[in-house]
Amino acid sequence: MNSRYLAADALLGDENGSTIFGSIATNIDARAQGV
């Protein structure tokens, strides 16, 4: 997985997507994993 995606996930929010930024990070993380 690309470290940029991990960084975005860490910086923008938790996995629950409790904020709009968290939701974006979760979506990026899912794409990075090929889900």
Protein backbone atom coordinates (compact mmCIF):
# COMPACT_ATOMS: atom_id res chain seq x y z
CA MET A 1 0.00 0.00 0.00
CA ASN A 2 1.15 3.51 -0.74
CA SER A 3 2.37 5.34 2.34
CA ARG A 4 0.59 8.50 1.17
CA TYR A 5 -2.75 6.74 1.63
CA LEU A 6 -1.77 5.67 5.14
CA ALA A 7 -0.71 9.23 5.95
CA ALA A 8 -3.99 10.62 4.63
CA ASP A 9 -5.96 8.11 6.69
CA ALA A 10 -4.01 8.98 9.82
CA LEU A 11 -4.28 12.74 9.31
CA LEU A 12 -7.82 13.10 8.08
CA GLY A 13 -9.85 10.96 10.43
CA ASP A 14 -10.70 7.68 12.04
CA GLU A 15 -11.92 4.57 10.27
CA ASN A 16 -15.50 5.24 11.31
CA GLY A 17 -15.58 8.33 9.12
CA SER A 18 -17.00 10.46 11.91
CA THR A 19 -16.09 13.56 9.94
CA ILE A 20 -16.22 14.32 6.23
CA PHE A 21 -12.43 14.11 6.23
CA GLY A 22 -12.60 10.71 7.89
CA SER A 23 -15.01 9.53 5.22
CA ILE A 24 -12.65 10.69 2.48
CA ALA A 25 -9.70 8.99 4.17
CA THR A 26 -11.68 5.78 4.51
CA ASN A 27 -12.55 5.87 0.82
CA ILE A 28 -8.91 6.48 -0.13
CA ASP A 29 -7.80 3.64 2.12
CA ALA A 30 -10.33 1.29 0.55
CA ARG A 31 -9.12 2.19 -2.93
CA ALA A 32 -5.52 1.67 -1.88
CA GLN A 33 -6.41 -1.85 -0.76
CA GLY A 34 -8.28 -2.54 -3.98
CA VAL A 35 -11.60 -3.06 -2.24
